[in-house]
Amino acid sequence: MKTQPHRIVVVRRRKPKVHGGGGHGSWKIAYADFMTAMMAFFLVMWLLAISSPKELIQLAEYFRTPLATAITGGTRISESESPIPGGGDDYTRRDGDIKKTPNIDALRKQMEQSRLKKIRGELDQLIEADPRLKALRPHLKIDLVQEGLRIQIVDSRNRPMFKTGSAEVEPYMRDILRGIAPVLNEIPNKISLSGHTDDFPYAGGDRGYSNWELSAERANASRRELVAGGLDGGKVLRVIGMANTMKLQAHGGDDAVNRRISLLVLNRQAEQAIVNENAESQNQPVSILQQPAPQAQPASDVRK
C-alpha cells in the first residue's frame, strides 16, 4: 500500500492593519514646524518694533556685511563700533581709526516725513467721507512745507470764517476745526497756529485795536474749537497773530484769501527751533537784519 506524500501546508498570516500607517504623526511635525516659524516671525516683528533707529541701522549693517569679512577684520572694522556690525563694543578698534556713524538724523527725518504724508492722506480721506467737509474743500489748502504739514483755512468774500472785524467763529469754520481735531490728536507732533488778516487797517491805526489783535484772537478762537473737537491742549506749542504781514503770493493785500488760519503740524526741526527761540540762552544776541519800512496805508478802505 502506497503512502500518501506529505503535503506542505502554507499558512499566511496577515498583519493587523494600523490606520494611518507611518504617516500617523507627520502632521504634528509639520504643525510644530509651522508654529516655530510663526513664533520666530512674531519675535522678529516685536524686536523691530521696540528697536531704536540706530539699532535698526546696525541690524541692517550686520546682514549686509559678509561674515568672513566681519570676523577676519576687513575694511568694516574701522567703520563700526563692533567687529560684527550690530554687536557690542569693538575692543580691537585702535585710536586714530576713522569711524563712520550712521546718519540717524536723516533716518529720523525720513520717518517723520512719511508720517506727515500719511496724515495728509488721512485728512484727504476724512474730507471726502464727510459731506460737510467735502463741501468746504475749496477753503482748505493742505501741503507739505519745510516746517512740516501746513493746513490753511482760507476765507472768501462770499463765505467768511469769522464775523466781520471780530473773532467769533462762523459755523462752517467750526465744522472744519472740530472735524480735523481727532486726526491731529493721534500724532505726537506739536502744532502751531497763526492768524492772518487782509491789509485793511482799523480807523485808529496800530495804536489801538488793530489787525494784530484781531489775527491773534482769531488764532486763539481756532485753538479753542480744536480743543472742543478733541485735540489735547498740550499739543499746541504756539498761537500767534501775524496781522497782514504775510499775504499769499499772487494775491493782493485786500484779497479775501489773505484772511486765513494757518495750522502747522511741526516737524522735529521746526519744533526745536521754536523752543530754542523762546528758551533762555547764554549766547550773545545776533544782529537783526534791516527790513524795509512798511508802506503807509491809504486813507480809504479803513476797517470800521
C-alpha atoms as a PDB file:
ATOM      1  CA  MET A   1       0.000   0.000   0.000  1.00  0.00           C
ATOM      2  CA  LYS A   2       1.464   3.288  -1.087  1.00  0.00           C
ATOM      3  CA  THR A   3       1.843   6.029   1.433  1.00  0.00           C
ATOM      4  CA  GLN A   4       0.427   9.414   0.550  1.00  0.00           C
ATOM      5  CA  PRO A   5       3.066  12.093   0.025  1.00  0.00           C
ATOM      6  CA  HIS A   6       3.268  14.632   2.851  1.00  0.00           C
ATOM      7  CA  ARG A   7       1.618  17.799   1.767  1.00  0.00           C
ATOM      8  CA  ILE A   8       3.140  21.111   2.752  1.00  0.00           C
ATOM      9  CA  VAL A   9       0.597  23.499   4.205  1.00  0.00           C
ATOM     10  CA  VAL A  10       1.465  27.193   3.926  1.00  0.00           C
ATOM     11  CA  VAL A  11      -0.287  29.401   6.421  1.00  0.00           C
ATOM     12  CA  ARG A  12      -0.364  33.077   5.554  1.00  0.00           C
ATOM     13  CA  ARG A  13      -0.850  35.357   8.495  1.00  0.00           C
ATOM     14  CA  ARG A  14      -1.984  38.817   7.735  1.00  0.00           C
ATOM     15  CA  LYS A  15      -0.645  41.596   9.858  1.00  0.00           C
ATOM     16  CA  PRO A  16      -3.340  43.664  11.506  1.00  0.00           C
ATOM     17  CA  LYS A  17      -3.943  46.937   9.728  1.00  0.00           C
ATOM     18  CA  VAL A  18      -2.933  50.080  11.566  1.00  0.00           C
ATOM     19  CA  HIS A  19      -4.997  53.001  10.417  1.00  0.00           C
ATOM     20  CA  GLY A  20      -2.824  55.981   9.465  1.00  0.00           C
ATOM     21  CA  GLY A  21       0.290  53.883   8.878  1.00  0.00           C
ATOM     22  CA  GLY A  22       3.630  55.578   9.187  1.00  0.00           C
ATOM     23  CA  GLY A  23       2.122  58.996   8.479  1.00  0.00           C
ATOM     24  CA  HIS A  24       0.056  58.986  11.643  1.00  0.00           C
ATOM     25  CA  GLY A  25       2.214  61.668  13.323  1.00  0.00           C
ATOM     26  CA  SER A  26       3.578  63.506  10.278  1.00  0.00           C
ATOM     27  CA  TRP A  27       1.040  66.312  10.546  1.00  0.00           C
ATOM     28  CA  LYS A  28       2.207  67.012  14.084  1.00  0.00           C
ATOM     29  CA  ILE A  29       5.754  67.552  12.859  1.00  0.00           C
ATOM     30  CA  ALA A  30       4.564  69.884  10.125  1.00  0.00           C
ATOM     31  CA  TYR A  31       2.371  71.772  12.586  1.00  0.00           C
ATOM     32  CA  ALA A  32       5.266  72.096  15.046  1.00  0.00           C
ATOM     33  CA  ASP A  33       7.470  73.488  12.274  1.00  0.00           C
ATOM     34  CA  PHE A  34       4.771  75.958  11.322  1.00  0.00           C
ATOM     35  CA  MET A  35       4.308  77.157  14.914  1.00  0.00           C
ATOM     36  CA  THR A  36       8.068  77.529  15.354  1.00  0.00           C
ATOM     37  CA  ALA A  37       8.268  79.632  12.194  1.00  0.00           C
ATOM     38  CA  MET A  38       5.367  81.809  13.335  1.00  0.00           C
ATOM     39  CA  MET A  39       6.928  82.341  16.754  1.00  0.00           C
ATOM     40  CA  ALA A  40      10.207  83.328  15.112  1.00  0.00           C
ATOM     41  CA  PHE A  41       8.346  85.704  12.770  1.00  0.00           C
ATOM     42  CA  PHE A  42       6.462  87.458  15.577  1.00  0.00           C
ATOM     43  CA  LEU A  43       9.623  87.643  17.665  1.00  0.00           C
ATOM     44  CA  VAL A  44      11.418  89.399  14.804  1.00  0.00           C
ATOM     45  CA  MET A  45       8.486  91.800  14.322  1.00  0.00           C
ATOM     46  CA  TRP A  46       8.438  92.593  18.041  1.00  0.00           C
ATOM     47  CA  LEU A  47      12.170  93.275  18.086  1.00  0.00           C
ATOM     48  CA  LEU A  48      11.850  95.591  15.087  1.00  0.00           C
ATOM     49  CA  ALA A  49       9.017  97.458  16.787  1.00  0.00           C
ATOM     50  CA  ILE A  50      10.941  98.155  20.001  1.00  0.00           C
ATOM     51  CA  SER A  51      14.306  98.867  18.376  1.00  0.00           C
ATOM     52  CA  SER A  52      15.603 102.413  18.026  1.00  0.00           C
ATOM     53  CA  PRO A  53      16.539 103.799  14.576  1.00  0.00           C
ATOM     54  CA  LYS A  54      20.236 103.365  15.417  1.00  0.00           C
ATOM     55  CA  GLU A  55      19.732  99.714  16.339  1.00  0.00           C
ATOM     56  CA  LEU A  56      17.794  99.112  13.119  1.00  0.00           C
ATOM     57  CA  ILE A  57      20.668 100.536  11.075  1.00  0.00           C
ATOM     58  CA  GLN A  58      23.168  98.354  12.933  1.00  0.00           C
ATOM     59  CA  LEU A  59      20.964  95.320  12.355  1.00  0.00           C
ATOM     60  CA  ALA A  60      20.792  96.064   8.635  1.00  0.00           C
ATOM     61  CA  GLU A  61      24.563  96.516   8.509  1.00  0.00           C
ATOM     62  CA  TYR A  62      25.001  93.135  10.174  1.00  0.00           C
ATOM     63  CA  PHE A  63      23.139  91.318   7.396  1.00  0.00           C
ATOM     64  CA  ARG A  64      24.783  93.370   4.652  1.00  0.00           C
ATOM     65  CA  THR A  65      28.330  92.599   5.840  1.00  0.00           C
ATOM     66  CA  PRO A  66      29.841  89.203   4.879  1.00  0.00           C
ATOM     67  CA  LEU A  67      30.516  87.157   7.993  1.00  0.00           C
ATOM     68  CA  ALA A  68      34.049  86.241   6.873  1.00  0.00           C
ATOM     69  CA  THR A  69      34.916  89.902   6.343  1.00  0.00           C
ATOM     70  CA  ALA A  70      33.431  90.888   9.678  1.00  0.00           C
ATOM     71  CA  ILE A  71      35.307  88.189  11.622  1.00  0.00           C
ATOM     72  CA  THR A  72      38.656  88.473   9.869  1.00  0.00           C
ATOM     73  CA  GLY A  73      38.676  92.229  10.229  1.00  0.00           C
ATOM     74  CA  GLY A  74      38.158  93.625   6.750  1.00  0.00           C
ATOM     75  CA  THR A  75      37.537  97.243   5.975  1.00  0.00           C
ATOM     76  CA  ARG A  76      34.453  97.238   8.185  1.00  0.00           C
ATOM     77  CA  ILE A  77      36.484  97.038  11.409  1.00  0.00           C
ATOM     78  CA  SER A  78      37.451 100.713  11.305  1.00  0.00           C
ATOM     79  CA  GLU A  79      33.972 101.772  10.217  1.00  0.00           C
ATOM     80  CA  SER A  80      31.973 100.220  13.005  1.00  0.00           C
ATOM     81  CA  GLU A  81      31.762 100.040  16.761  1.00  0.00           C
ATOM     82  CA  SER A  82      31.911  96.249  16.632  1.00  0.00           C
ATOM     83  CA  PRO A  83      33.864  93.524  14.803  1.00  0.00           C
ATOM     84  CA  ILE A  84      30.434  92.299  13.707  1.00  0.00           C
ATOM     85  CA  PRO A  85      28.268  95.363  12.976  1.00  0.00           C
ATOM     86  CA  GLY A  86      25.330  95.441  15.314  1.00  0.00           C
ATOM     87  CA  GLY A  87      27.215  93.703  18.150  1.00  0.00           C
ATOM     88  CA  GLY A  88      28.865  95.103  21.260  1.00  0.00           C
ATOM     89  CA  ASP A  89      31.823  97.421  21.630  1.00  0.00           C
ATOM     90  CA  ASP A  90      34.795  96.905  19.327  1.00  0.00           C
ATOM     91  CA  TYR A  91      37.762  96.302  21.602  1.00  0.00           C
ATOM     92  CA  THR A  92      40.050  95.800  18.597  1.00  0.00           C
ATOM     93  CA  ARG A  93      39.495  99.351  17.380  1.00  0.00           C
ATOM     94  CA  ARG A  94      42.619 101.484  17.677  1.00  0.00           C
ATOM     95  CA  ASP A  95      42.805 105.193  18.340  1.00  0.00           C
ATOM     96  CA  GLY A  96      43.016 107.151  15.135  1.00  0.00           C
ATOM     97  CA  ASP A  97      40.722 104.888  13.133  1.00  0.00           C
ATOM     98  CA  ILE A  98      38.171 106.762  11.086  1.00  0.00           C
ATOM     99  CA  LYS A  99      34.722 105.952  12.297  1.00  0.00           C
ATOM    100  CA  LYS A 100      31.624 106.447  10.175  1.00  0.00           C
ATOM    101  CA  THR A 101      28.429 106.744  12.171  1.00  0.00           C
ATOM    102  CA  PRO A 102      25.042 106.165  10.569  1.00  0.00           C
ATOM    103  CA  ASN A 103      23.079 109.292   9.762  1.00  0.00           C
ATOM    104  CA  ILE A 104      20.401 108.931  12.414  1.00  0.00           C
ATOM    105  CA  ASP A 105      19.040 112.426  11.783  1.00  0.00           C
ATOM    106  CA  ALA A 106      18.453 111.669   8.113  1.00  0.00           C
ATOM    107  CA  LEU A 107      16.624 108.449   9.005  1.00  0.00           C
ATOM    108  CA  ARG A 108      14.508 110.279  11.583  1.00  0.00           C
ATOM    109  CA  LYS A 109      13.618 112.976   9.042  1.00  0.00           C
ATOM    110  CA  GLN A 110      12.588 110.344   6.534  1.00  0.00           C
ATOM    111  CA  MET A 111      10.368 108.575   9.051  1.00  0.00           C
ATOM    112  CA  GLU A 112       8.778 111.840  10.137  1.00  0.00           C
ATOM    113  CA  GLN A 113       8.179 112.856   6.524  1.00  0.00           C
ATOM    114  CA  SER A 114       6.428 109.543   5.921  1.00  0.00           C
ATOM    115  CA  ARG A 115       4.249 110.087   8.984  1.00  0.00           C
ATOM    116  CA  LEU A 116       3.244 113.579   7.792  1.00  0.00           C
ATOM    117  CA  LYS A 117       2.391 112.226   4.332  1.00  0.00           C
ATOM    118  CA  LYS A 118       0.206 109.611   5.995  1.00  0.00           C
ATOM    119  CA  ILE A 119      -1.579 112.320   7.996  1.00  0.00           C
ATOM    120  CA  ARG A 120      -2.187 114.273   4.802  1.00  0.00           C
ATOM    121  CA  GLY A 121      -3.751 111.189   3.227  1.00  0.00           C
ATOM    122  CA  GLU A 122      -5.960 110.626   6.274  1.00  0.00           C
ATOM    123  CA  LEU A 123      -7.150 114.243   6.151  1.00  0.00           C
ATOM    124  CA  ASP A 124      -7.988 113.909   2.465  1.00  0.00           C
ATOM    125  CA  GLN A 125      -9.967 110.729   3.198  1.00  0.00           C
ATOM    126  CA  LEU A 126     -11.753 112.435   6.095  1.00  0.00           C
ATOM    127  CA  ILE A 127     -12.758 115.366   3.901  1.00  0.00           C
ATOM    128  CA  GLU A 128     -14.016 113.084   1.132  1.00  0.00           C
ATOM    129  CA  ALA A 129     -16.001 110.941   3.569  1.00  0.00           C
ATOM    130  CA  ASP A 130     -17.716 113.849   5.379  1.00  0.00           C
ATOM    131  CA  PRO A 131     -20.240 115.675   3.150  1.00  0.00           C
ATOM    132  CA  ARG A 132     -19.947 118.857   5.213  1.00  0.00           C
ATOM    133  CA  LEU A 133     -16.156 118.970   4.942  1.00  0.00           C
ATOM    134  CA  LYS A 134     -16.240 117.955   1.271  1.00  0.00           C
ATOM    135  CA  ALA A 135     -18.423 120.956   0.502  1.00  0.00           C
ATOM    136  CA  LEU A 136     -15.822 123.167   2.220  1.00  0.00           C
ATOM    137  CA  ARG A 137     -12.845 121.678   0.344  1.00  0.00           C
ATOM    138  CA  PRO A 138     -12.178 124.926  -1.608  1.00  0.00           C
ATOM    139  CA  HIS A 139     -11.464 126.633   1.720  1.00  0.00           C
ATOM    140  CA  LEU A 140      -8.774 124.107   2.687  1.00  0.00           C
ATOM    141  CA  LYS A 141      -5.183 124.097   1.443  1.00  0.00           C
ATOM    142  CA  ILE A 142      -3.084 121.153   2.691  1.00  0.00           C
ATOM    143  CA  ASP A 143       0.558 120.854   1.665  1.00  0.00           C
ATOM    144  CA  LEU A 144       3.923 119.682   2.937  1.00  0.00           C
ATOM    145  CA  VAL A 145       6.353 122.521   3.671  1.00  0.00           C
ATOM    146  CA  GLN A 146       9.827 122.725   5.142  1.00  0.00           C
ATOM    147  CA  GLU A 147       8.481 123.094   8.688  1.00  0.00           C
ATOM    148  CA  GLY A 148       6.010 120.198   8.480  1.00  0.00           C
ATOM    149  CA  LEU A 149       2.418 119.746   7.312  1.00  0.00           C
ATOM    150  CA  ARG A 150       0.538 123.006   6.775  1.00  0.00           C
ATOM    151  CA  ILE A 151      -3.250 123.205   6.792  1.00  0.00           C
ATOM    152  CA  GLN A 152      -4.629 126.585   5.751  1.00  0.00           C
ATOM    153  CA  ILE A 153      -8.277 127.502   6.153  1.00  0.00           C
ATOM    154  CA  VAL A 154      -8.869 130.451   3.861  1.00  0.00           C
ATOM    155  CA  ASP A 155     -11.657 132.998   3.722  1.00  0.00           C
ATOM    156  CA  SER A 156     -13.767 134.067   0.774  1.00  0.00           C
ATOM    157  CA  ARG A 157     -15.803 137.141   0.076  1.00  0.00           C
ATOM    158  CA  ASN A 158     -18.989 135.110  -0.047  1.00  0.00           C
ATOM    159  CA  ARG A 159     -18.261 132.902   2.939  1.00  0.00           C
ATOM    160  CA  PRO A 160     -16.120 134.424   5.700  1.00  0.00           C
ATOM    161  CA  MET A 161     -14.707 132.260   8.512  1.00  0.00           C
ATOM    162  CA  PHE A 162     -15.371 134.848  11.230  1.00  0.00           C
ATOM    163  CA  LYS A 163     -17.801 137.625  11.847  1.00  0.00           C
ATOM    164  CA  THR A 164     -16.610 140.824  10.222  1.00  0.00           C
ATOM    165  CA  GLY A 165     -13.985 142.557  12.346  1.00  0.00           C
ATOM    166  CA  SER A 166     -14.259 140.019  15.197  1.00  0.00           C
ATOM    167  CA  ALA A 167     -13.009 136.607  16.337  1.00  0.00           C
ATOM    168  CA  GLU A 168     -16.462 134.993  16.503  1.00  0.00           C
ATOM    169  CA  VAL A 169     -16.224 131.708  14.608  1.00  0.00           C
ATOM    170  CA  GLU A 170     -18.741 131.005  11.856  1.00  0.00           C
ATOM    171  CA  PRO A 171     -20.486 127.581  11.962  1.00  0.00           C
ATOM    172  CA  TYR A 172     -18.746 126.158   8.882  1.00  0.00           C
ATOM    173  CA  MET A 173     -15.341 127.123  10.282  1.00  0.00           C
ATOM    174  CA  ARG A 174     -16.283 125.326  13.487  1.00  0.00           C
ATOM    175  CA  ASP A 175     -17.145 122.186  11.481  1.00  0.00           C
ATOM    176  CA  ILE A 176     -13.724 122.185   9.820  1.00  0.00           C
ATOM    177  CA  LEU A 177     -11.739 122.647  13.015  1.00  0.00           C
ATOM    178  CA  ARG A 178     -13.695 120.111  15.031  1.00  0.00           C
ATOM    179  CA  GLY A 179     -13.624 117.638  12.152  1.00  0.00           C
ATOM    180  CA  ILE A 180      -9.831 117.556  11.796  1.00  0.00           C
ATOM    181  CA  ALA A 181      -9.092 117.697  15.536  1.00  0.00           C
ATOM    182  CA  PRO A 182      -9.273 113.897  16.163  1.00  0.00           C
ATOM    183  CA  VAL A 183      -6.813 113.192  13.343  1.00  0.00           C
ATOM    184  CA  LEU A 184      -4.337 115.747  14.677  1.00  0.00           C
ATOM    185  CA  ASN A 185      -4.673 114.358  18.174  1.00  0.00           C
ATOM    186  CA  GLU A 186      -3.383 110.926  17.129  1.00  0.00           C
ATOM    187  CA  ILE A 187       0.086 112.183  16.190  1.00  0.00           C
ATOM    188  CA  PRO A 188       2.914 113.121  18.573  1.00  0.00           C
ATOM    189  CA  ASN A 189       3.852 116.322  16.716  1.00  0.00           C
ATOM    190  CA  LYS A 190       3.259 119.741  18.232  1.00  0.00           C
ATOM    191  CA  ILE A 191       1.060 122.294  16.470  1.00  0.00           C
ATOM    192  CA  SER A 192       1.495 125.983  15.714  1.00  0.00           C
ATOM    193  CA  LEU A 193      -1.496 128.222  14.977  1.00  0.00           C
ATOM    194  CA  SER A 194      -1.236 131.581  13.279  1.00  0.00           C
ATOM    195  CA  GLY A 195      -3.934 134.068  12.275  1.00  0.00           C
ATOM    196  CA  HIS A 196      -3.700 136.298   9.212  1.00  0.00           C
ATOM    197  CA  THR A 197      -5.761 139.267   8.034  1.00  0.00           C
ATOM    198  CA  ASP A 198      -6.018 141.388   4.923  1.00  0.00           C
ATOM    199  CA  ASP A 199      -4.396 144.816   4.803  1.00  0.00           C
ATOM    200  CA  PHE A 200      -7.494 146.882   5.611  1.00  0.00           C
ATOM    201  CA  PRO A 201      -6.488 148.908   8.707  1.00  0.00           C
ATOM    202  CA  TYR A 202      -8.669 149.945  11.587  1.00  0.00           C
ATOM    203  CA  ALA A 203      -9.615 153.598  11.901  1.00  0.00           C
ATOM    204  CA  GLY A 204      -7.398 154.037  14.962  1.00  0.00           C
ATOM    205  CA  GLY A 205      -4.339 152.510  13.273  1.00  0.00           C
ATOM    206  CA  ASP A 206      -1.859 150.350  15.187  1.00  0.00           C
ATOM    207  CA  ARG A 207      -2.112 152.465  18.346  1.00  0.00           C
ATOM    208  CA  GLY A 208      -5.409 150.889  19.345  1.00  0.00           C
ATOM    209  CA  TYR A 209      -7.170 147.669  18.470  1.00  0.00           C
ATOM    210  CA  SER A 210      -5.690 146.627  15.125  1.00  0.00           C
ATOM    211  CA  ASN A 211      -5.137 143.682  12.812  1.00  0.00           C
ATOM    212  CA  TRP A 212      -2.515 142.396  15.243  1.00  0.00           C
ATOM    213  CA  GLU A 213      -5.080 141.859  17.982  1.00  0.00           C
ATOM    214  CA  LEU A 214      -7.655 140.576  15.522  1.00  0.00           C
ATOM    215  CA  SER A 215      -5.353 137.948  13.985  1.00  0.00           C
ATOM    216  CA  ALA A 216      -4.161 136.769  17.404  1.00  0.00           C
ATOM    217  CA  GLU A 217      -7.702 136.473  18.768  1.00  0.00           C
ATOM    218  CA  ARG A 218      -8.860 134.547  15.692  1.00  0.00           C
ATOM    219  CA  ALA A 219      -5.944 132.119  16.035  1.00  0.00           C
ATOM    220  CA  ASN A 220      -6.812 131.581  19.703  1.00  0.00           C
ATOM    221  CA  ALA A 221     -10.506 131.119  18.879  1.00  0.00           C
ATOM    222  CA  SER A 222      -9.454 128.433  16.395  1.00  0.00           C
ATOM    223  CA  ARG A 223      -7.417 126.752  19.126  1.00  0.00           C
ATOM    224  CA  ARG A 224     -10.481 126.614  21.369  1.00  0.00           C
ATOM    225  CA  GLU A 225     -12.517 124.955  18.611  1.00  0.00           C
ATOM    226  CA  LEU A 226      -9.795 122.354  18.043  1.00  0.00           C
ATOM    227  CA  VAL A 227      -9.737 121.547  21.764  1.00  0.00           C
ATOM    228  CA  ALA A 228     -13.533 121.326  21.774  1.00  0.00           C
ATOM    229  CA  GLY A 229     -13.241 118.859  18.882  1.00  0.00           C
ATOM    230  CA  GLY A 230     -10.940 116.528  20.835  1.00  0.00           C
ATOM    231  CA  LEU A 231      -7.424 117.959  20.457  1.00  0.00           C
ATOM    232  CA  ASP A 232      -5.227 117.709  23.536  1.00  0.00           C
ATOM    233  CA  GLY A 233      -4.452 121.268  24.622  1.00  0.00           C
ATOM    234  CA  GLY A 234      -0.859 120.314  25.375  1.00  0.00           C
ATOM    235  CA  LYS A 235      -0.200 119.695  21.674  1.00  0.00           C
ATOM    236  CA  VAL A 236      -0.453 123.386  20.854  1.00  0.00           C
ATOM    237  CA  LEU A 237       3.029 124.874  21.064  1.00  0.00           C
ATOM    238  CA  ARG A 238       2.328 128.369  19.764  1.00  0.00           C
ATOM    239  CA  VAL A 239      -0.581 130.678  18.949  1.00  0.00           C
ATOM    240  CA  ILE A 240       0.377 133.878  17.166  1.00  0.00           C
ATOM    241  CA  GLY A 241      -1.171 136.728  15.218  1.00  0.00           C
ATOM    242  CA  MET A 242       0.573 137.772  12.011  1.00  0.00           C
ATOM    243  CA  ALA A 243      -1.804 140.612  11.038  1.00  0.00           C
ATOM    244  CA  ASN A 244      -1.309 141.401   7.342  1.00  0.00           C
ATOM    245  CA  THR A 245       2.452 140.786   7.222  1.00  0.00           C
ATOM    246  CA  MET A 246       2.334 137.605   5.126  1.00  0.00           C
ATOM    247  CA  LYS A 247      -0.057 137.806   2.231  1.00  0.00           C
ATOM    248  CA  LEU A 248      -0.407 134.890  -0.131  1.00  0.00           C
ATOM    249  CA  GLN A 249       1.543 135.078  -3.346  1.00  0.00           C
ATOM    250  CA  ALA A 250      -0.268 136.169  -6.495  1.00  0.00           C
ATOM    251  CA  HIS A 251      -2.937 137.849  -4.368  1.00  0.00           C
ATOM    252  CA  GLY A 252      -3.330 141.484  -3.490  1.00  0.00           C
ATOM    253  CA  GLY A 253      -3.254 142.637   0.099  1.00  0.00           C
ATOM    254  CA  ASP A 254      -7.004 143.232   0.099  1.00  0.00           C
ATOM    255  CA  ASP A 255      -7.844 139.760  -1.277  1.00  0.00           C
ATOM    256  CA  ALA A 256     -10.179 137.721   0.941  1.00  0.00           C
ATOM    257  CA  VAL A 257      -7.902 134.642   0.850  1.00  0.00           C
ATOM    258  CA  ASN A 258      -5.381 136.532   2.982  1.00  0.00           C
ATOM    259  CA  ARG A 259      -7.851 136.280   5.846  1.00  0.00           C
ATOM    260  CA  ARG A 260      -6.898 132.787   6.921  1.00  0.00           C
ATOM    261  CA  ILE A 261      -5.880 130.491   9.760  1.00  0.00           C
ATOM    262  CA  SER A 262      -2.654 128.562   9.218  1.00  0.00           C
ATOM    263  CA  LEU A 263      -2.332 125.356  11.213  1.00  0.00           C
ATOM    264  CA  LEU A 264       1.159 123.876  11.066  1.00  0.00           C
ATOM    265  CA  VAL A 265       1.937 120.338  12.229  1.00  0.00           C
ATOM    266  CA  LEU A 266       5.559 120.919  13.209  1.00  0.00           C
ATOM    267  CA  ASN A 267       8.340 118.530  12.386  1.00  0.00           C
ATOM    268  CA  ARG A 268      11.123 117.963  14.913  1.00  0.00           C
ATOM    269  CA  GLN A 269      13.431 120.627  13.491  1.00  0.00           C
ATOM    270  CA  ALA A 270      10.756 123.331  13.400  1.00  0.00           C
ATOM    271  CA  GLU A 271       9.597 122.472  16.905  1.00  0.00           C
ATOM    272  CA  GLN A 272      13.157 122.635  18.238  1.00  0.00           C
ATOM    273  CA  ALA A 273      13.702 125.988  16.523  1.00  0.00           C
ATOM    274  CA  ILE A 274      10.650 127.459  18.278  1.00  0.00           C
ATOM    275  CA  VAL A 275      11.757 126.036  21.620  1.00  0.00           C
ATOM    276  CA  ASN A 276      15.270 127.431  21.198  1.00  0.00           C
ATOM    277  CA  GLU A 277      13.899 130.778  20.100  1.00  0.00           C
ATOM    278  CA  ASN A 278      11.996 131.199  23.339  1.00  0.00           C
ATOM    279  CA  ALA A 279      14.358 129.386  25.721  1.00  0.00           C
ATOM    280  CA  GLU A 280      16.735 131.249  27.974  1.00  0.00           C
ATOM    281  CA  SER A 281      20.162 131.377  26.352  1.00  0.00           C
ATOM    282  CA  GLN A 282      23.633 132.450  27.402  1.00  0.00           C
ATOM    283  CA  ASN A 283      24.635 133.276  23.839  1.00  0.00           C
ATOM    284  CA  GLN A 284      25.206 136.822  22.690  1.00  0.00           C
ATOM    285  CA  PRO A 285      22.286 138.265  20.716  1.00  0.00           C
ATOM    286  CA  VAL A 286      22.773 138.378  16.964  1.00  0.00           C
ATOM    287  CA  SER A 287      22.216 141.483  14.888  1.00  0.00           C
ATOM    288  CA  ILE A 288      18.778 141.903  13.369  1.00  0.00           C
ATOM    289  CA  LEU A 289      18.646 142.262   9.609  1.00  0.00           C
ATOM    290  CA  GLN A 290      17.375 145.587   8.394  1.00  0.00           C
ATOM    291  CA  GLN A 291      13.975 145.364   6.856  1.00  0.00           C
ATOM    292  CA  PRO A 292      12.298 147.946   4.596  1.00  0.00           C
ATOM    293  CA  ALA A 293       9.940 150.305   6.333  1.00  0.00           C
ATOM    294  CA  PRO A 294       6.276 149.415   5.850  1.00  0.00           C
ATOM    295  CA  GLN A 295       4.427 151.493   3.305  1.00  0.00           C
ATOM    296  CA  ALA A 296       1.847 153.921   4.570  1.00  0.00           C
ATOM    297  CA  GLN A 297      -1.702 152.655   4.403  1.00  0.00           C
ATOM    298  CA  PRO A 298      -4.133 154.540   2.127  1.00  0.00           C
ATOM    299  CA  ALA A 299      -6.698 156.689   3.820  1.00  0.00           C
ATOM    300  CA  SER A 300      -9.502 154.793   2.086  1.00  0.00           C
ATOM    301  CA  ASP A 301     -10.664 151.236   2.754  1.00  0.00           C
ATOM    302  CA  VAL A 302     -10.464 151.604   6.515  1.00  0.00           C
ATOM    303  CA  ARG A 303     -11.879 148.784   8.685  1.00  0.00           C
ATOM    304  CA  LYS A 304     -14.670 150.063  10.893  1.00  0.00           C
END
